Amino acid sequence: MFARGTAWVVFVLFDEDRTLTEMRRMRPSTLLRLVNERGGWHRSGREKGKQHKLPIESVF
């Protein structure tokens, strides 16, 4: 059973035919650790703040 009020981030990978191939759920703290290991958040070049592009190998 999962804790109530716990937030999760879900990454979904589709193939070229839009068929679901993989899905991974992780805690925001895990995602933050992955981003920080790669230098942190960077300016996105857009009005909506910062972003970080993670290599697919780090997620799946």
PDB file of N, CA and C in Angstrom:
ATOM      1  N   MET A   1       0.849  -1.174   0.000  1.00  0.00           N
ATOM      2  CA  MET A   1       0.000   0.000   0.000  1.00  0.00           C
ATOM      3  C   MET A   1       0.894   1.237   0.000  1.00  0.00           C
ATOM      4  N   PHE A   2       0.467   2.251  -0.732  1.00  0.00           N
ATOM      5  CA  PHE A   2       1.243   3.468  -0.844  1.00  0.00           C
ATOM      6  C   PHE A   2       0.759   4.504   0.162  1.00  0.00           C
ATOM      7  N   ALA A   3       1.683   5.353   0.559  1.00  0.00           N
ATOM      8  CA  ALA A   3       1.348   6.411   1.513  1.00  0.00           C
ATOM      9  C   ALA A   3       0.397   7.422   0.873  1.00  0.00           C
ATOM     10  N   ARG A   4      -0.510   7.921   1.658  1.00  0.00           N
ATOM     11  CA  ARG A   4      -1.425   8.945   1.163  1.00  0.00           C
ATOM     12  C   ARG A   4      -0.698  10.269   1.063  1.00  0.00           C
ATOM     13  N   GLY A   5      -1.067  11.048   0.050  1.00  0.00           N
ATOM     14  CA  GLY A   5      -0.467  12.356  -0.123  1.00  0.00           C
ATOM     15  C   GLY A   5       0.924  12.326  -0.729  1.00  0.00           C
ATOM     16  N   THR A   6       1.363  11.174  -1.203  1.00  0.00           N
ATOM     17  CA  THR A   6       2.681  11.062  -1.814  1.00  0.00           C
ATOM     18  C   THR A   6       2.586  11.417  -3.285  1.00  0.00           C
ATOM     19  N   ALA A   7       3.451  12.297  -3.742  1.00  0.00           N
ATOM     20  CA  ALA A   7       3.487  12.682  -5.156  1.00  0.00           C
ATOM     21  C   ALA A   7       4.406  11.735  -5.916  1.00  0.00           C
ATOM     22  N   TRP A   8       4.086  11.504  -7.173  1.00  0.00           N
ATOM     23  CA  TRP A   8       4.900  10.663  -8.044  1.00  0.00           C
ATOM     24  C   TRP A   8       5.050  11.352  -9.396  1.00  0.00           C
ATOM     25  N   VAL A   9       6.134  11.055 -10.082  1.00  0.00           N
ATOM     26  CA  VAL A   9       6.348  11.493 -11.446  1.00  0.00           C
ATOM     27  C   VAL A   9       6.345  10.233 -12.291  1.00  0.00           C
ATOM     28  N   VAL A  10       5.633  10.246 -13.407  1.00  0.00           N
ATOM     29  CA  VAL A  10       5.570   9.072 -14.277  1.00  0.00           C
ATOM     30  C   VAL A  10       6.174   9.420 -15.630  1.00  0.00           C
ATOM     31  N   PHE A  11       7.128   8.604 -16.064  1.00  0.00           N
ATOM     32  CA  PHE A  11       7.723   8.727 -17.385  1.00  0.00           C
ATOM     33  C   PHE A  11       7.126   7.627 -18.251  1.00  0.00           C
ATOM     34  N   VAL A  12       6.680   7.995 -19.434  1.00  0.00           N
ATOM     35  CA  VAL A  12       6.047   7.040 -20.342  1.00  0.00           C
ATOM     36  C   VAL A  12       6.806   7.062 -21.656  1.00  0.00           C
ATOM     37  N   LEU A  13       7.173   5.872 -22.160  1.00  0.00           N
ATOM     38  CA  LEU A  13       7.927   5.752 -23.404  1.00  0.00           C
ATOM     39  C   LEU A  13       7.051   5.039 -24.438  1.00  0.00           C
ATOM     40  N   PHE A  14       6.875   5.679 -25.593  1.00  0.00           N
ATOM     41  CA  PHE A  14       6.112   5.106 -26.695  1.00  0.00           C
ATOM     42  C   PHE A  14       7.050   4.818 -27.851  1.00  0.00           C
ATOM     43  N   ASP A  15       6.712   3.834 -28.672  1.00  0.00           N
ATOM     44  CA  ASP A  15       7.493   3.588 -29.880  1.00  0.00           C
ATOM     45  C   ASP A  15       6.937   4.436 -31.024  1.00  0.00           C
ATOM     46  N   GLU A  16       7.469   4.245 -32.222  1.00  0.00           N
ATOM     47  CA  GLU A  16       7.063   5.063 -33.369  1.00  0.00           C
ATOM     48  C   GLU A  16       5.588   4.899 -33.718  1.00  0.00           C
ATOM     49  N   ASP A  17       4.998   3.766 -33.364  1.00  0.00           N
ATOM     50  CA  ASP A  17       3.585   3.503 -33.649  1.00  0.00           C
ATOM     51  C   ASP A  17       2.666   3.948 -32.515  1.00  0.00           C
ATOM     52  N   ARG A  18       3.236   4.686 -31.571  1.00  0.00           N
ATOM     53  CA  ARG A  18       2.503   5.181 -30.401  1.00  0.00           C
ATOM     54  C   ARG A  18       2.016   4.051 -29.486  1.00  0.00           C
ATOM     55  N   THR A  19       2.753   2.973 -29.484  1.00  0.00           N
ATOM     56  CA  THR A  19       2.475   1.851 -28.595  1.00  0.00           C
ATOM     57  C   THR A  19       3.316   2.021 -27.329  1.00  0.00           C
ATOM     58  N   LEU A  20       2.676   1.878 -26.187  1.00  0.00           N
ATOM     59  CA  LEU A  20       3.385   1.989 -24.915  1.00  0.00           C
ATOM     60  C   LEU A  20       4.428   0.886 -24.827  1.00  0.00           C
ATOM     61  N   THR A  21       5.687   1.275 -24.583  1.00  0.00           N
ATOM     62  CA  THR A  21       6.742   0.272 -24.460  1.00  0.00           C
ATOM     63  C   THR A  21       7.263   0.160 -23.035  1.00  0.00           C
ATOM     64  N   GLU A  22       7.330   1.282 -22.328  1.00  0.00           N
ATOM     65  CA  GLU A  22       7.787   1.256 -20.937  1.00  0.00           C
ATOM     66  C   GLU A  22       7.140   2.384 -20.159  1.00  0.00           C
ATOM     67  N   MET A  23       7.053   2.168 -18.864  1.00  0.00           N
ATOM     68  CA  MET A  23       6.538   3.198 -17.978  1.00  0.00           C
ATOM     69  C   MET A  23       7.286   3.064 -16.658  1.00  0.00           C
ATOM     70  N   ARG A  24       7.712   4.194 -16.115  1.00  0.00           N
ATOM     71  CA  ARG A  24       8.423   4.172 -14.835  1.00  0.00           C
ATOM     72  C   ARG A  24       7.897   5.282 -13.946  1.00  0.00           C
ATOM     73  N   ARG A  25       7.594   4.921 -12.742  1.00  0.00           N
ATOM     74  CA  ARG A  25       7.145   5.882 -11.740  1.00  0.00           C
ATOM     75  C   ARG A  25       8.278   6.080 -10.751  1.00  0.00           C
ATOM     76  N   MET A  26       8.506   7.352 -10.373  1.00  0.00           N
ATOM     77  CA  MET A  26       9.537   7.622  -9.379  1.00  0.00           C
ATOM     78  C   MET A  26       9.111   8.786  -8.493  1.00  0.00           C
ATOM     79  N   ARG A  27       9.696   8.825  -7.339  1.00  0.00           N
ATOM     80  CA  ARG A  27       9.433   9.920  -6.409  1.00  0.00           C
ATOM     81  C   ARG A  27      10.100  11.192  -6.923  1.00  0.00           C
ATOM     82  N   PRO A  28       9.523  12.347  -6.632  1.00  0.00           N
ATOM     83  CA  PRO A  28      10.169  13.599  -7.019  1.00  0.00           C
ATOM     84  C   PRO A  28      11.597  13.727  -6.487  1.00  0.00           C
ATOM     85  N   SER A  29      11.852  13.181  -5.303  1.00  0.00           N
ATOM     86  CA  SER A  29      13.211  13.255  -4.738  1.00  0.00           C
ATOM     87  C   SER A  29      14.208  12.470  -5.589  1.00  0.00           C
ATOM     88  N   THR A  30      13.768  11.356  -6.179  1.00  0.00           N
ATOM     89  CA  THR A  30      14.632  10.579  -7.065  1.00  0.00           C
ATOM     90  C   THR A  30      14.907  11.354  -8.341  1.00  0.00           C
ATOM     91  N   LEU A  31      13.877  11.977  -8.886  1.00  0.00           N
ATOM     92  CA  LEU A  31      14.050  12.789 -10.085  1.00  0.00           C
ATOM     93  C   LEU A  31      14.994  13.959  -9.810  1.00  0.00           C
ATOM     94  N   LEU A  32      14.830  14.611  -8.681  1.00  0.00           N
ATOM     95  CA  LEU A  32      15.704  15.724  -8.321  1.00  0.00           C
ATOM     96  C   LEU A  32      17.153  15.260  -8.196  1.00  0.00           C
ATOM     97  N   ARG A  33      17.367  14.085  -7.622  1.00  0.00           N
ATOM     98  CA  ARG A  33      18.719  13.542  -7.508  1.00  0.00           C
ATOM     99  C   ARG A  33      19.317  13.310  -8.896  1.00  0.00           C
ATOM    100  N   LEU A  34      18.540  12.740  -9.836  1.00  0.00           N
ATOM    101  CA  LEU A  34      19.020  12.512 -11.199  1.00  0.00           C
ATOM    102  C   LEU A  34      19.408  13.824 -11.879  1.00  0.00           C
ATOM    103  N   VAL A  35      18.571  14.846 -11.708  1.00  0.00           N
ATOM    104  CA  VAL A  35      18.854  16.153 -12.312  1.00  0.00           C
ATOM    105  C   VAL A  35      20.090  16.779 -11.680  1.00  0.00           C
ATOM    106  N   ASN A  36      20.190  16.730 -10.368  1.00  0.00           N
ATOM    107  CA  ASN A  36      21.338  17.328  -9.680  1.00  0.00           C
ATOM    108  C   ASN A  36      22.646  16.628 -10.017  1.00  0.00           C
ATOM    109  N   GLU A  37      22.602  15.317 -10.233  1.00  0.00           N
ATOM    110  CA  GLU A  37      23.805  14.580 -10.624  1.00  0.00           C
ATOM    111  C   GLU A  37      24.322  15.026 -11.982  1.00  0.00           C
ATOM    112  N   ARG A  38      23.454  15.638 -12.773  1.00  0.00           N
ATOM    113  CA  ARG A  38      23.820  16.086 -14.110  1.00  0.00           C
ATOM    114  C   ARG A  38      23.927  17.603 -14.205  1.00  0.00           C
ATOM    115  N   GLY A  39      24.116  18.277 -13.083  1.00  0.00           N
ATOM    116  CA  GLY A  39      24.366  19.709 -13.104  1.00  0.00           C
ATOM    117  C   GLY A  39      23.209  20.599 -12.712  1.00  0.00           C
ATOM    118  N   GLY A  40      22.071  20.035 -12.374  1.00  0.00           N
ATOM    119  CA  GLY A  40      20.942  20.836 -11.914  1.00  0.00           C
ATOM    120  C   GLY A  40      20.059  21.350 -13.037  1.00  0.00           C
ATOM    121  N   TRP A  41      19.127  22.192 -12.652  1.00  0.00           N
ATOM    122  CA  TRP A  41      18.168  22.776 -13.588  1.00  0.00           C
ATOM    123  C   TRP A  41      18.831  23.911 -14.351  1.00  0.00           C
ATOM    124  N   HIS A  42      18.447  24.081 -15.615  1.00  0.00           N
ATOM    125  CA  HIS A  42      18.996  25.126 -16.477  1.00  0.00           C
ATOM    126  C   HIS A  42      17.864  25.981 -17.030  1.00  0.00           C
ATOM    127  N   ARG A  43      18.196  27.202 -17.433  1.00  0.00           N
ATOM    128  CA  ARG A  43      17.196  28.069 -18.062  1.00  0.00           C
ATOM    129  C   ARG A  43      16.649  27.381 -19.311  1.00  0.00           C
ATOM    130  N   SER A  44      15.351  27.414 -19.486  1.00  0.00           N
ATOM    131  CA  SER A  44      14.723  26.721 -20.609  1.00  0.00           C
ATOM    132  C   SER A  44      14.719  27.535 -21.890  1.00  0.00           C
ATOM    133  N   GLY A  45      14.931  28.848 -21.787  1.00  0.00           N
ATOM    134  CA  GLY A  45      14.828  29.687 -22.963  1.00  0.00           C
ATOM    135  C   GLY A  45      13.399  30.099 -23.237  1.00  0.00           C
ATOM    136  N   ARG A  46      12.505  29.702 -22.369  1.00  0.00           N
ATOM    137  CA  ARG A  46      11.100  30.055 -22.476  1.00  0.00           C
ATOM    138  C   ARG A  46      10.699  30.825 -21.231  1.00  0.00           C
ATOM    139  N   GLU A  47       9.502  31.342 -21.229  1.00  0.00           N
ATOM    140  CA  GLU A  47       9.015  32.121 -20.094  1.00  0.00           C
ATOM    141  C   GLU A  47       8.711  31.267 -18.868  1.00  0.00           C
ATOM    142  N   LYS A  48       8.568  29.969 -19.028  1.00  0.00           N
ATOM    143  CA  LYS A  48       8.089  29.122 -17.937  1.00  0.00           C
ATOM    144  C   LYS A  48       9.190  28.513 -17.092  1.00  0.00           C
ATOM    145  N   GLY A  49      10.308  29.151 -16.954  1.00  0.00           N
ATOM    146  CA  GLY A  49      11.289  28.691 -15.977  1.00  0.00           C
ATOM    147  C   GLY A  49      12.394  27.813 -16.498  1.00  0.00           C
ATOM    148  N   LYS A  50      12.732  26.798 -15.709  1.00  0.00           N
ATOM    149  CA  LYS A  50      13.918  25.990 -15.968  1.00  0.00           C
ATOM    150  C   LYS A  50      13.538  24.567 -16.358  1.00  0.00           C
ATOM    151  N   GLN A  51      14.478  23.885 -16.997  1.00  0.00           N
ATOM    152  CA  GLN A  51      14.271  22.505 -17.408  1.00  0.00           C
ATOM    153  C   GLN A  51      15.602  21.765 -17.390  1.00  0.00           C
ATOM    154  N   HIS A  52      15.538  20.460 -17.546  1.00  0.00           N
ATOM    155  CA  HIS A  52      16.743  19.652 -17.698  1.00  0.00           C
ATOM    156  C   HIS A  52      16.375  18.456 -18.553  1.00  0.00           C
ATOM    157  N   LYS A  53      17.148  18.189 -19.591  1.00  0.00           N
ATOM    158  CA  LYS A  53      16.898  17.051 -20.455  1.00  0.00           C
ATOM    159  C   LYS A  53      17.706  15.871 -19.935  1.00  0.00           C
ATOM    160  N   LEU A  54      17.005  14.847 -19.489  1.00  0.00           N
ATOM    161  CA  LEU A  54      17.665  13.650 -18.970  1.00  0.00           C
ATOM    162  C   LEU A  54      17.859  12.638 -20.095  1.00  0.00           C
ATOM    163  N   PRO A  55      19.001  11.980 -20.141  1.00  0.00           N
ATOM    164  CA  PRO A  55      19.175  10.908 -21.108  1.00  0.00           C
ATOM    165  C   PRO A  55      18.191   9.784 -20.802  1.00  0.00           C
ATOM    166  N   ILE A  56      17.680   9.158 -21.832  1.00  0.00           N
ATOM    167  CA  ILE A  56      16.684   8.109 -21.634  1.00  0.00           C
ATOM    168  C   ILE A  56      17.233   6.977 -20.767  1.00  0.00           C
ATOM    169  N   GLU A  57      18.531   6.732 -20.853  1.00  0.00           N
ATOM    170  CA  GLU A  57      19.141   5.656 -20.078  1.00  0.00           C
ATOM    171  C   GLU A  57      19.064   5.931 -18.574  1.00  0.00           C
ATOM    172  N   SER A  58      18.980   7.183 -18.185  1.00  0.00           N
ATOM    173  CA  SER A  58      18.911   7.498 -16.763  1.00  0.00           C
ATOM    174  C   SER A  58      17.500   7.306 -16.198  1.00  0.00           C
ATOM    175  N   VAL A  59      16.513   7.241 -17.087  1.00  0.00           N
ATOM    176  CA  VAL A  59      15.137   7.087 -16.650  1.00  0.00           C
ATOM    177  C   VAL A  59      14.681   5.634 -16.728  1.00  0.00           C
ATOM    178  N   PHE A  60      15.006   4.965 -17.842  1.00  0.00           N
ATOM    179  CA  PHE A  60      14.537   3.580 -18.036  1.00  0.00           C
ATOM    180  C   PHE A  60      15.667   2.597 -17.901  1.00  0.00           C
TER     181      PHE A  60
END
